[in-house]
PDB file of N, CA and C in Angstrom:
ATOM      1  N   MET A   1     126.496 115.280 112.183  1.00  0.00           N
ATOM      2  CA  MET A   1     125.267 114.929 111.582  1.00  0.00           C
ATOM      3  C   MET A   1     124.956 115.837 110.405  1.00  0.00           C
ATOM      4  N   SER A   2     124.571 115.365 109.306  1.00  0.00           N
ATOM      5  CA  SER A   2     124.389 116.242 107.895  1.00  0.00           C
ATOM      6  C   SER A   2     123.088 116.798 108.288  1.00  0.00           C
ATOM      7  N   LYS A   3     123.043 118.012 107.349  1.00  0.00           N
ATOM      8  CA  LYS A   3     121.817 118.915 107.301  1.00  0.00           C
ATOM      9  C   LYS A   3     120.575 117.910 106.892  1.00  0.00           C
ATOM     10  N   ALA A   4     120.790 117.089 105.788  1.00  0.00           N
ATOM     11  CA  ALA A   4     119.707 116.201 105.408  1.00  0.00           C
ATOM     12  C   ALA A   4     119.084 115.360 106.425  1.00  0.00           C
ATOM     13  N   ILE A   5     119.821 114.700 107.527  1.00  0.00           N
ATOM     14  CA  ILE A   5     119.276 114.208 108.644  1.00  0.00           C
ATOM     15  C   ILE A   5     118.686 115.009 109.558  1.00  0.00           C
ATOM     16  N   LYS A   6     119.291 115.992 109.894  1.00  0.00           N
ATOM     17  CA  LYS A   6     118.761 117.065 110.754  1.00  0.00           C
ATOM     18  C   LYS A   6     117.411 117.393 110.432  1.00  0.00           C
ATOM     19  N   ALA A   7     117.236 117.847 109.297  1.00  0.00           N
ATOM     20  CA  ALA A   7     115.995 118.408 108.520  1.00  0.00           C
ATOM     21  C   ALA A   7     114.852 117.157 108.655  1.00  0.00           C
ATOM     22  N   ALA A   8     115.474 115.981 108.269  1.00  0.00           N
ATOM     23  CA  ALA A   8     114.291 114.957 108.341  1.00  0.00           C
ATOM     24  C   ALA A   8     113.986 114.479 109.722  1.00  0.00           C
ATOM     25  N   LEU A   9     114.826 114.771 110.653  1.00  0.00           N
ATOM     26  CA  LEU A   9     114.639 114.476 112.051  1.00  0.00           C
ATOM     27  C   LEU A   9     113.486 115.686 112.725  1.00  0.00           C
ATOM     28  N   LEU A  10     113.796 116.771 112.382  1.00  0.00           N
ATOM     29  CA  LEU A  10     112.978 117.918 112.711  1.00  0.00           C
ATOM     30  C   LEU A  10     111.560 117.669 112.212  1.00  0.00           C
ATOM     31  N   SER A  11     111.479 117.298 110.856  1.00  0.00           N
ATOM     32  CA  SER A  11     110.249 116.994 110.264  1.00  0.00           C
ATOM     33  C   SER A  11     109.548 115.819 110.781  1.00  0.00           C
ATOM     34  N   ALA A  12     110.163 114.952 111.307  1.00  0.00           N
ATOM     35  CA  ALA A  12     109.665 113.683 111.964  1.00  0.00           C
ATOM     36  C   ALA A  12     109.279 113.990 113.377  1.00  0.00           C
ATOM     37  N   PHE A  13     109.972 114.595 114.149  1.00  0.00           N
ATOM     38  CA  PHE A  13     109.798 114.840 115.695  1.00  0.00           C
ATOM     39  C   PHE A  13     109.154 116.029 116.131  1.00  0.00           C
ATOM     40  N   VAL A  14     109.135 117.100 115.329  1.00  0.00           N
ATOM     41  CA  VAL A  14     108.563 118.349 115.598  1.00  0.00           C
ATOM     42  C   VAL A  14     107.433 118.685 114.927  1.00  0.00           C
ATOM     43  N   PHE A  15     107.287 118.864 113.810  1.00  0.00           N
ATOM     44  CA  PHE A  15     106.107 119.195 113.128  1.00  0.00           C
ATOM     45  C   PHE A  15     106.523 119.068 111.412  1.00  0.00           C
ATOM     46  N   PRO A  16     105.518 118.696 110.685  1.00  0.00           N
ATOM     47  CA  PRO A  16     105.815 118.651 109.265  1.00  0.00           C
ATOM     48  C   PRO A  16     106.378 120.198 108.830  1.00  0.00           C
ATOM     49  N   GLY A  17     107.140 120.235 108.062  1.00  0.00           N
ATOM     50  CA  GLY A  17     107.523 121.543 107.437  1.00  0.00           C
ATOM     51  C   GLY A  17     108.851 122.106 108.200  1.00  0.00           C
ATOM     52  N   THR A  18     109.198 121.521 109.313  1.00  0.00           N
ATOM     53  CA  THR A  18     110.195 122.367 110.296  1.00  0.00           C
ATOM     54  C   THR A  18     111.493 122.052 109.584  1.00  0.00           C
ATOM     55  N   GLY A  19     111.511 120.873 108.865  1.00  0.00           N
ATOM     56  CA  GLY A  19     112.993 120.612 108.278  1.00  0.00           C
ATOM     57  C   GLY A  19     113.100 121.440 106.971  1.00  0.00           C
ATOM     58  N   HIS A  20     112.080 121.678 106.356  1.00  0.00           N
ATOM     59  CA  HIS A  20     112.133 122.733 105.296  1.00  0.00           C
ATOM     60  C   HIS A  20     112.465 124.171 105.763  1.00  0.00           C
ATOM     61  N   PHE A  21     111.909 124.522 106.750  1.00  0.00           N
ATOM     62  CA  PHE A  21     112.165 125.858 107.399  1.00  0.00           C
ATOM     63  C   PHE A  21     113.659 125.863 107.580  1.00  0.00           C
ATOM     64  N   PHE A  22     114.292 124.804 108.233  1.00  0.00           N
ATOM     65  CA  PHE A  22     115.667 124.566 108.714  1.00  0.00           C
ATOM     66  C   PHE A  22     116.508 124.662 107.302  1.00  0.00           C
ATOM     67  N   LEU A  23     116.014 124.110 106.102  1.00  0.00           N
ATOM     68  CA  LEU A  23     116.818 124.228 104.945  1.00  0.00           C
ATOM     69  C   LEU A  23     116.402 125.508 104.207  1.00  0.00           C
ATOM     70  N   LYS A  24     115.771 126.505 104.702  1.00  0.00           N
ATOM     71  CA  LYS A  24     115.410 127.672 104.046  1.00  0.00           C
ATOM     72  C   LYS A  24     114.627 127.573 102.999  1.00  0.00           C
ATOM     73  N   LYS A  25     113.755 126.572 102.990  1.00  0.00           N
ATOM     74  CA  LYS A  25     112.686 126.307 101.801  1.00  0.00           C
ATOM     75  C   LYS A  25     111.219 126.802 102.611  1.00  0.00           C
ATOM     76  N   HIS A  26     111.120 128.012 102.559  1.00  0.00           N
ATOM     77  CA  HIS A  26     110.107 128.470 103.543  1.00  0.00           C
ATOM     78  C   HIS A  26     108.568 128.280 102.710  1.00  0.00           C
ATOM     79  N   ILE A  27     108.440 128.380 101.645  1.00  0.00           N
ATOM     80  CA  ILE A  27     107.315 127.994 100.820  1.00  0.00           C
ATOM     81  C   ILE A  27     106.727 126.620 101.120  1.00  0.00           C
ATOM     82  N   THR A  28     107.797 125.794 100.799  1.00  0.00           N
ATOM     83  CA  THR A  28     107.263 124.250 101.066  1.00  0.00           C
ATOM     84  C   THR A  28     107.108 124.038 102.498  1.00  0.00           C
ATOM     85  N   GLY A  29     107.724 124.496 103.259  1.00  0.00           N
ATOM     86  CA  GLY A  29     107.470 124.461 104.709  1.00  0.00           C
ATOM     87  C   GLY A  29     106.215 124.796 105.348  1.00  0.00           C
ATOM     88  N   THR A  30     105.820 126.221 104.681  1.00  0.00           N
ATOM     89  CA  THR A  30     104.674 126.844 105.101  1.00  0.00           C
ATOM     90  C   THR A  30     103.523 125.832 104.488  1.00  0.00           C
ATOM     91  N   LEU A  31     103.646 125.308 103.240  1.00  0.00           N
ATOM     92  CA  LEU A  31     102.261 124.467 102.701  1.00  0.00           C
ATOM     93  C   LEU A  31     102.190 123.183 103.640  1.00  0.00           C
ATOM     94  N   LEU A  32     103.453 122.591 103.826  1.00  0.00           N
ATOM     95  CA  LEU A  32     103.178 121.496 104.728  1.00  0.00           C
ATOM     96  C   LEU A  32     102.714 121.719 106.059  1.00  0.00           C
ATOM     97  N   ALA A  33     103.306 122.616 106.745  1.00  0.00           N
ATOM     98  CA  ALA A  33     102.866 123.108 108.054  1.00  0.00           C
ATOM     99  C   ALA A  33     101.327 123.376 108.089  1.00  0.00           C
ATOM    100  N   GLY A  34     101.023 124.236 107.042  1.00  0.00           N
ATOM    101  CA  GLY A  34      99.653 124.746 106.943  1.00  0.00           C
ATOM    102  C   GLY A  34      98.548 123.430 106.792  1.00  0.00           C
ATOM    103  N   ALA A  35      99.026 122.501 105.893  1.00  0.00           N
ATOM    104  CA  ALA A  35      98.133 121.261 105.713  1.00  0.00           C
ATOM    105  C   ALA A  35      98.120 120.646 106.897  1.00  0.00           C
ATOM    106  N   ALA A  36      99.161 120.437 107.496  1.00  0.00           N
ATOM    107  CA  ALA A  36      99.306 119.355 108.844  1.00  0.00           C
ATOM    108  C   ALA A  36      98.431 120.150 109.945  1.00  0.00           C
ATOM    109  N   PHE A  37      98.623 121.556 110.004  1.00  0.00           N
ATOM    110  CA  PHE A  37      97.792 122.192 111.029  1.00  0.00           C
ATOM    111  C   PHE A  37      96.242 122.226 110.777  1.00  0.00           C
ATOM    112  N   VAL A  38      96.060 122.404 109.767  1.00  0.00           N
ATOM    113  CA  VAL A  38      94.351 122.400 109.446  1.00  0.00           C
ATOM    114  C   VAL A  38      93.825 121.135 109.892  1.00  0.00           C
ATOM    115  N   SER A  39      94.668 120.115 109.274  1.00  0.00           N
ATOM    116  CA  SER A  39      94.112 118.648 109.656  1.00  0.00           C
ATOM    117  C   SER A  39      94.018 118.337 111.092  1.00  0.00           C
ATOM    118  N   LEU A  40      95.222 118.763 111.942  1.00  0.00           N
ATOM    119  CA  LEU A  40      95.331 118.455 113.075  1.00  0.00           C
ATOM    120  C   LEU A  40      94.015 119.241 113.828  1.00  0.00           C
ATOM    121  N   TYR A  41      94.013 120.322 113.320  1.00  0.00           N
ATOM    122  CA  TYR A  41      92.944 121.374 114.061  1.00  0.00           C
ATOM    123  C   TYR A  41      91.558 120.555 113.810  1.00  0.00           C
ATOM    124  N   LEU A  42      91.229 120.170 112.779  1.00  0.00           N
ATOM    125  CA  LEU A  42      89.809 119.329 112.594  1.00  0.00           C
ATOM    126  C   LEU A  42      89.804 118.209 113.224  1.00  0.00           C
ATOM    127  N   VAL A  43      90.749 117.340 113.451  1.00  0.00           N
ATOM    128  CA  VAL A  43      90.924 116.125 114.358  1.00  0.00           C
ATOM    129  C   VAL A  43      90.653 116.416 115.841  1.00  0.00           C
ATOM    130  N   LEU A  44      91.530 117.542 116.360  1.00  0.00           N
ATOM    131  CA  LEU A  44      91.296 117.812 117.705  1.00  0.00           C
ATOM    132  C   LEU A  44      89.884 118.550 118.009  1.00  0.00           C
ATOM    133  N   SER A  45      89.526 119.294 117.145  1.00  0.00           N
ATOM    134  CA  SER A  45      88.286 120.020 117.452  1.00  0.00           C
ATOM    135  C   SER A  45      87.134 118.817 117.427  1.00  0.00           C
ATOM    136  N   ARG A  46      87.249 118.015 116.700  1.00  0.00           N
ATOM    137  CA  ARG A  46      86.123 116.915 116.821  1.00  0.00           C
ATOM    138  C   ARG A  46      86.049 116.215 117.814  1.00  0.00           C
ATOM    139  N   LEU A  47      87.425 115.616 118.414  1.00  0.00           N
ATOM    140  CA  LEU A  47      87.671 114.960 119.502  1.00  0.00           C
ATOM    141  C   LEU A  47      87.025 115.883 120.867  1.00  0.00           C
ATOM    142  N   VAL A  48      87.320 117.145 120.903  1.00  0.00           N
ATOM    143  CA  VAL A  48      86.929 117.868 121.958  1.00  0.00           C
ATOM    144  C   VAL A  48      85.535 118.026 121.972  1.00  0.00           C
ATOM    145  N   GLU A  49      84.909 118.373 120.765  1.00  0.00           N
ATOM    146  CA  GLU A  49      83.652 118.389 120.733  1.00  0.00           C
ATOM    147  C   GLU A  49      82.860 117.307 121.212  1.00  0.00           C
ATOM    148  N   ARG A  50      83.225 116.010 120.844  1.00  0.00           N
ATOM    149  CA  ARG A  50      82.689 114.844 121.440  1.00  0.00           C
ATOM    150  C   ARG A  50      83.074 114.470 122.916  1.00  0.00           C
ATOM    151  N   ALA A  51      84.123 114.920 123.341  1.00  0.00           N
ATOM    152  CA  ALA A  51      84.288 114.858 124.642  1.00  0.00           C
ATOM    153  C   ALA A  51      83.432 115.720 125.706  1.00  0.00           C
ATOM    154  N   LEU A  52      83.191 116.837 125.237  1.00  0.00           N
ATOM    155  CA  LEU A  52      82.243 117.843 125.805  1.00  0.00           C
ATOM    156  C   LEU A  52      80.779 117.334 125.619  1.00  0.00           C
ATOM    157  N   GLN A  53      80.417 116.775 124.594  1.00  0.00           N
ATOM    158  CA  GLN A  53      79.146 116.028 124.426  1.00  0.00           C
ATOM    159  C   GLN A  53      78.843 114.908 125.480  1.00  0.00           C
ATOM    160  N   ILE A  54      79.829 114.001 125.650  1.00  0.00           N
ATOM    161  CA  ILE A  54      79.886 113.151 126.708  1.00  0.00           C
ATOM    162  C   ILE A  54      79.748 113.680 128.135  1.00  0.00           C
ATOM    163  N   GLY A  55      80.645 114.634 128.241  1.00  0.00           N
ATOM    164  CA  GLY A  55      80.512 115.381 129.430  1.00  0.00           C
ATOM    165  C   GLY A  55      79.119 115.995 129.954  1.00  0.00           C
ATOM    166  N   GLU A  56      78.411 116.721 128.800  1.00  0.00           N
ATOM    167  CA  GLU A  56      77.047 117.010 128.960  1.00  0.00           C
ATOM    168  C   GLU A  56      76.153 115.763 129.479  1.00  0.00           C
ATOM    169  N   LYS A  57      76.217 114.812 128.777  1.00  0.00           N
ATOM    170  CA  LYS A  57      75.359 113.697 128.934  1.00  0.00           C
ATOM    171  C   LYS A  57      75.557 113.180 130.476  1.00  0.00           C
ATOM    172  N   ILE A  58      76.802 113.160 130.975  1.00  0.00           N
ATOM    173  CA  ILE A  58      76.970 112.760 132.260  1.00  0.00           C
ATOM    174  C   ILE A  58      76.345 113.794 133.239  1.00  0.00           C
ATOM    175  N   GLN A  59      76.524 115.024 132.965  1.00  0.00           N
ATOM    176  CA  GLN A  59      75.983 116.051 133.951  1.00  0.00           C
ATOM    177  C   GLN A  59      74.555 116.113 134.013  1.00  0.00           C
ATOM    178  N   HIS A  60      73.703 115.687 132.886  1.00  0.00           N
ATOM    179  CA  HIS A  60      72.314 115.901 132.829  1.00  0.00           C
ATOM    180  C   HIS A  60      71.845 114.491 133.252  1.00  0.00           C
ATOM    181  N   GLY A  61      72.638 113.541 133.475  1.00  0.00           N
ATOM    182  CA  GLY A  61      72.078 112.194 134.018  1.00  0.00           C
ATOM    183  C   GLY A  61      71.654 111.341 133.036  1.00  0.00           C
ATOM    184  N   GLU A  62      71.933 111.358 131.795  1.00  0.00           N
ATOM    185  CA  GLU A  62      71.739 110.600 130.498  1.00  0.00           C
ATOM    186  C   GLU A  62      72.431 109.335 130.778  1.00  0.00           C
ATOM    187  N   VAL A  63      73.650 109.525 131.279  1.00  0.00           N
ATOM    188  CA  VAL A  63      74.726 108.448 131.336  1.00  0.00           C
ATOM    189  C   VAL A  63      75.159 108.489 132.763  1.00  0.00           C
ATOM    190  N   GLN A  64      75.192 107.130 133.160  1.00  0.00           N
ATOM    191  CA  GLN A  64      75.883 107.036 134.595  1.00  0.00           C
ATOM    192  C   GLN A  64      77.278 107.192 134.783  1.00  0.00           C
ATOM    193  N   LEU A  65      77.735 107.629 135.753  1.00  0.00           N
ATOM    194  CA  LEU A  65      79.207 107.938 136.016  1.00  0.00           C
ATOM    195  C   LEU A  65      79.838 106.636 136.059  1.00  0.00           C
ATOM    196  N   ASP A  66      79.908 105.746 135.281  1.00  0.00           N
ATOM    197  CA  ASP A  66      80.467 104.490 135.135  1.00  0.00           C
ATOM    198  C   ASP A  66      81.369 104.303 133.979  1.00  0.00           C
ATOM    199  N   VAL A  67      82.660 103.497 134.272  1.00  0.00           N
ATOM    200  CA  VAL A  67      83.583 103.397 133.403  1.00  0.00           C
ATOM    201  C   VAL A  67      83.060 102.839 131.966  1.00  0.00           C
ATOM    202  N   ALA A  68      82.382 101.774 132.308  1.00  0.00           N
ATOM    203  CA  ALA A  68      81.883 100.962 131.145  1.00  0.00           C
ATOM    204  C   ALA A  68      80.950 101.666 130.128  1.00  0.00           C
ATOM    205  N   ALA A  69      80.246 102.465 130.916  1.00  0.00           N
ATOM    206  CA  ALA A  69      79.167 103.417 130.099  1.00  0.00           C
ATOM    207  C   ALA A  69      79.988 104.399 129.229  1.00  0.00           C
ATOM    208  N   ILE A  70      80.820 105.031 129.983  1.00  0.00           N
ATOM    209  CA  ILE A  70      81.802 106.129 129.407  1.00  0.00           C
ATOM    210  C   ILE A  70      82.485 105.567 128.082  1.00  0.00           C
ATOM    211  N   THR A  71      83.023 104.509 128.446  1.00  0.00           N
ATOM    212  CA  THR A  71      83.982 103.619 127.592  1.00  0.00           C
ATOM    213  C   THR A  71      83.092 103.397 126.255  1.00  0.00           C
ATOM    214  N   GLU A  72      81.926 102.908 126.274  1.00  0.00           N
ATOM    215  CA  GLU A  72      80.903 102.691 125.332  1.00  0.00           C
ATOM    216  C   GLU A  72      80.727 103.745 124.519  1.00  0.00           C
ATOM    217  N   LEU A  73      80.512 104.910 125.057  1.00  0.00           N
ATOM    218  CA  LEU A  73      80.334 106.279 124.383  1.00  0.00           C
ATOM    219  C   LEU A  73      81.273 106.586 123.657  1.00  0.00           C
ATOM    220  N   ILE A  74      82.668 106.519 124.261  1.00  0.00           N
ATOM    221  CA  ILE A  74      83.862 106.881 123.602  1.00  0.00           C
ATOM    222  C   ILE A  74      84.294 106.079 122.204  1.00  0.00           C
ATOM    223  N   SER A  75      83.883 104.749 122.489  1.00  0.00           N
ATOM    224  CA  SER A  75      84.302 103.932 121.332  1.00  0.00           C
ATOM    225  C   SER A  75      83.318 103.809 120.133  1.00  0.00           C
ATOM    226  N   LYS A  76      82.108 104.623 120.204  1.00  0.00           N
ATOM    227  CA  LYS A  76      81.343 104.786 119.269  1.00  0.00           C
ATOM    228  C   LYS A  76      81.860 105.425 118.149  1.00  0.00           C
ATOM    229  N   GLN A  77      81.833 104.851 116.755  1.00  0.00           N
ATOM    230  CA  GLN A  77      82.369 105.512 115.665  1.00  0.00           C
ATOM    231  C   GLN A  77      81.716 106.746 115.128  1.00  0.00           C
ATOM    232  N   PRO A  78      82.171 107.812 114.688  1.00  0.00           N
ATOM    233  CA  PRO A  78      81.361 108.745 114.091  1.00  0.00           C
ATOM    234  C   PRO A  78      80.874 108.287 112.585  1.00  0.00           C
ATOM    235  N   THR A  79      79.660 108.548 112.158  1.00  0.00           N
ATOM    236  CA  THR A  79      79.029 108.311 110.969  1.00  0.00           C
ATOM    237  C   THR A  79      78.847 109.532 110.094  1.00  0.00           C
ATOM    238  N   GLY A  80      78.527 109.098 108.859  1.00  0.00           N
ATOM    239  CA  GLY A  80      78.140 110.140 107.861  1.00  0.00           C
ATOM    240  C   GLY A  80      79.427 110.897 107.424  1.00  0.00           C
ATOM    241  N   THR A  81      79.088 112.167 107.142  1.00  0.00           N
ATOM    242  CA  THR A  81      80.245 113.155 106.609  1.00  0.00           C
ATOM    243  C   THR A  81      81.056 113.501 107.623  1.00  0.00           C
ATOM    244  N   ASP A  82      80.712 113.532 109.066  1.00  0.00           N
ATOM    245  CA  ASP A  82      81.785 113.616 110.250  1.00  0.00           C
ATOM    246  C   ASP A  82      82.999 112.660 109.986  1.00  0.00           C
ATOM    247  N   ALA A  83      82.337 111.279 109.744  1.00  0.00           N
ATOM    248  CA  ALA A  83      83.616 110.268 109.613  1.00  0.00           C
ATOM    249  C   ALA A  83      84.229 110.534 108.426  1.00  0.00           C
ATOM    250  N   GLN A  84      83.880 111.015 107.397  1.00  0.00           N
ATOM    251  CA  GLN A  84      84.455 111.384 106.293  1.00  0.00           C
ATOM    252  C   GLN A  84      85.586 112.231 106.273  1.00  0.00           C
ATOM    253  N   LEU A  85      84.951 113.334 106.980  1.00  0.00           N
ATOM    254  CA  LEU A  85      85.869 114.479 107.279  1.00  0.00           C
ATOM    255  C   LEU A  85      87.116 114.228 108.224  1.00  0.00           C
ATOM    256  N   LEU A  86      86.653 113.271 109.181  1.00  0.00           N
ATOM    257  CA  LEU A  86      87.802 112.839 110.020  1.00  0.00           C
ATOM    258  C   LEU A  86      88.799 112.014 109.265  1.00  0.00           C
ATOM    259  N   ASN A  87      88.225 111.128 108.603  1.00  0.00           N
ATOM    260  CA  ASN A  87      89.297 110.126 108.016  1.00  0.00           C
ATOM    261  C   ASN A  87      90.118 111.080 106.786  1.00  0.00           C
ATOM    262  N   ILE A  88      89.640 111.979 106.109  1.00  0.00           N
ATOM    263  CA  ILE A  88      90.379 112.723 105.330  1.00  0.00           C
ATOM    264  C   ILE A  88      91.427 113.537 106.035  1.00  0.00           C
ATOM    265  N   ALA A  89      90.961 114.155 107.137  1.00  0.00           N
ATOM    266  CA  ALA A  89      91.932 114.813 107.943  1.00  0.00           C
ATOM    267  C   ALA A  89      93.106 114.152 108.561  1.00  0.00           C
ATOM    268  N   TRP A  90      92.767 112.810 108.845  1.00  0.00           N
ATOM    269  CA  TRP A  90      93.971 111.957 109.412  1.00  0.00           C
ATOM    270  C   TRP A  90      94.774 111.547 108.255  1.00  0.00           C
ATOM    271  N   ILE A  91      94.138 111.364 107.039  1.00  0.00           N
ATOM    272  CA  ILE A  91      95.072 111.067 105.849  1.00  0.00           C
ATOM    273  C   ILE A  91      95.925 112.217 105.574  1.00  0.00           C
ATOM    274  N   VAL A  92      95.430 113.340 105.464  1.00  0.00           N
ATOM    275  CA  VAL A  92      96.126 114.514 105.162  1.00  0.00           C
ATOM    276  C   VAL A  92      97.411 114.683 106.106  1.00  0.00           C
ATOM    277  N   LEU A  93      97.055 114.487 107.330  1.00  0.00           N
ATOM    278  CA  LEU A  93      97.972 114.562 108.423  1.00  0.00           C
ATOM    279  C   LEU A  93      99.192 113.702 108.246  1.00  0.00           C
ATOM    280  N   ILE A  94      98.834 112.566 108.020  1.00  0.00           N
ATOM    281  CA  ILE A  94      99.972 111.483 107.907  1.00  0.00           C
ATOM    282  C   ILE A  94     100.715 111.625 106.613  1.00  0.00           C
ATOM    283  N   ILE A  95     100.026 112.023 105.369  1.00  0.00           N
ATOM    284  CA  ILE A  95     100.873 112.315 104.391  1.00  0.00           C
ATOM    285  C   ILE A  95     101.594 113.446 104.316  1.00  0.00           C
ATOM    286  N   SER A  96     101.168 114.601 105.093  1.00  0.00           N
ATOM    287  CA  SER A  96     101.947 115.607 104.921  1.00  0.00           C
ATOM    288  C   SER A  96     103.264 115.497 105.861  1.00  0.00           C
ATOM    289  N   TRP A  97     103.044 114.620 106.964  1.00  0.00           N
ATOM    290  CA  TRP A  97     104.153 114.254 107.856  1.00  0.00           C
ATOM    291  C   TRP A  97     105.164 113.420 107.129  1.00  0.00           C
ATOM    292  N   LEU A  98     104.710 112.439 106.325  1.00  0.00           N
ATOM    293  CA  LEU A  98     105.730 111.863 105.562  1.00  0.00           C
ATOM    294  C   LEU A  98     106.326 112.436 104.450  1.00  0.00           C
ATOM    295  N   ILE A  99     105.672 113.197 103.847  1.00  0.00           N
ATOM    296  CA  ILE A  99     106.180 114.060 102.871  1.00  0.00           C
ATOM    297  C   ILE A  99     107.052 115.059 103.579  1.00  0.00           C
ATOM    298  N   GLY A 100     106.937 115.525 104.540  1.00  0.00           N
ATOM    299  CA  GLY A 100     107.904 116.561 105.215  1.00  0.00           C
ATOM    300  C   GLY A 100     109.184 115.622 105.508  1.00  0.00           C
ATOM    301  N   ILE A 101     109.047 114.401 106.054  1.00  0.00           N
ATOM    302  CA  ILE A 101     110.292 113.911 106.465  1.00  0.00           C
ATOM    303  C   ILE A 101     111.064 113.512 105.024  1.00  0.00           C
ATOM    304  N   VAL A 102     110.503 112.768 103.981  1.00  0.00           N
ATOM    305  CA  VAL A 102     111.119 112.405 102.949  1.00  0.00           C
ATOM    306  C   VAL A 102     111.633 113.476 102.158  1.00  0.00           C
ATOM    307  N   ASP A 103     110.710 114.681 102.032  1.00  0.00           N
ATOM    308  CA  ASP A 103     111.340 115.616 101.126  1.00  0.00           C
ATOM    309  C   ASP A 103     112.347 116.499 101.746  1.00  0.00           C
ATOM    310  N   SER A 104     112.301 116.634 102.859  1.00  0.00           N
ATOM    311  CA  SER A 104     113.495 117.508 103.519  1.00  0.00           C
ATOM    312  C   SER A 104     114.904 116.922 103.729  1.00  0.00           C
ATOM    313  N   TYR A 105     114.654 115.378 103.669  1.00  0.00           N
ATOM    314  CA  TYR A 105     115.843 114.539 103.717  1.00  0.00           C
ATOM    315  C   TYR A 105     116.404 114.616 102.114  1.00  0.00           C
ATOM    316  N   ARG A 106     115.453 114.726 101.184  1.00  0.00           N
ATOM    317  CA  ARG A 106     115.916 114.491  99.778  1.00  0.00           C
ATOM    318  C   ARG A 106     116.540 115.949  99.475  1.00  0.00           C
ATOM    319  N   ILE A 107     115.894 117.002  99.897  1.00  0.00           N
ATOM    320  CA  ILE A 107     116.349 118.480  99.590  1.00  0.00           C
ATOM    321  C   ILE A 107     117.811 118.749 100.371  1.00  0.00           C
ATOM    322  N   GLY A 108     117.832 118.066 101.737  1.00  0.00           N
ATOM    323  CA  GLY A 108     119.111 118.405 102.272  1.00  0.00           C
ATOM    324  C   GLY A 108     120.411 117.689 101.760  1.00  0.00           C
ATOM    325  N   ARG A 109     120.084 116.597 100.751  1.00  0.00           N
ATOM    326  CA  ARG A 109     121.063 115.874 100.189  1.00  0.00           C
ATOM    327  C   ARG A 109     121.623 116.361  99.006  1.00  0.00           C
ATOM    328  N   ILE A 110     120.849 117.320  98.523  1.00  0.00           N
ATOM    329  CA  ILE A 110     121.176 118.042  97.325  1.00  0.00           C
ATOM    330  C   ILE A 110     122.444 118.986  97.424  1.00  0.00           C
ATOM    331  N   PRO A 111     123.454 118.875  96.809  1.00  0.00           N
ATOM    332  CA  PRO A 111     124.585 119.525  96.852  1.00  0.00           C
ATOM    333  C   PRO A 111     124.386 121.175  96.598  1.00  0.00           C
ATOM    334  N   GLY A 112     124.649 121.888  97.727  1.00  0.00           N
ATOM    335  CA  GLY A 112     124.396 123.531  97.583  1.00  0.00           C
ATOM    336  C   GLY A 112     123.240 123.628  98.540  1.00  0.00           C
ATOM    337  N   ASN A 113     122.645 122.711  99.123  1.00  0.00           N
ATOM    338  CA  ASN A 113     121.611 122.890 100.027  1.00  0.00           C
ATOM    339  C   ASN A 113     122.041 122.565 101.588  1.00  0.00           C
ATOM    340  N   GLY A 114     123.305 122.673 101.600  1.00  0.00           N
ATOM    341  CA  GLY A 114     123.801 122.409 102.972  1.00  0.00           C
ATOM    342  C   GLY A 114     124.203 121.084 103.400  1.00  0.00           C
ATOM    343  N   SER A 115     124.404 120.110 102.380  1.00  0.00           N
ATOM    344  CA  SER A 115     124.698 118.761 102.577  1.00  0.00           C
ATOM    345  C   SER A 115     126.279 118.721 102.706  1.00  0.00           C
ATOM    346  N   VAL A 116     126.838 118.490 104.087  1.00  0.00           N
ATOM    347  CA  VAL A 116     128.226 118.568 104.091  1.00  0.00           C
ATOM    348  C   VAL A 116     128.466 117.308 104.478  1.00  0.00           C
ATOM    349  N   ALA A 117     129.721 116.626 103.909  1.00  0.00           N
ATOM    350  CA  ALA A 117     130.093 115.330 104.507  1.00  0.00           C
ATOM    351  C   ALA A 117     130.769 115.408 105.944  1.00  0.00           C
ATOM    352  N   GLY A 118     130.483 114.754 106.758  1.00  0.00           N
ATOM    353  CA  GLY A 118     131.004 114.604 108.230  1.00  0.00           C
ATOM    354  C   GLY A 118     130.581 115.858 108.936  1.00  0.00           C
ATOM    355  N   GLY A 119     129.677 116.677 108.531  1.00  0.00           N
ATOM    356  CA  GLY A 119     129.278 117.882 109.389  1.00  0.00           C
ATOM    357  C   GLY A 119     127.783 117.935 109.325  1.00  0.00           C
TER     358      GLY A 119
END
């Protein structure tokens, strides 16, 4: 398997930027991984915050311990700036992941960057 394919698979299945680290492109890898990490942190922190809010409502008796009631709370979409921040974070995460895959494959195919026929 060529280095280009290995790098693309690393970026696709591990984390954005890992293919660049594999190809010794540390600055690009750090930028992609950093952007993906920050956006993933924002998304996960908002999800955990929301889950804790729902848990508090259940503990205080504001919401019954009923699957339908909890599902209704979970399915409510965030509004305002919180929704915009989440949308931007998701977009940055997806774009950094795609750029990581495509760019690591492109760099791996450049002669001198480890692209070896049959290896």
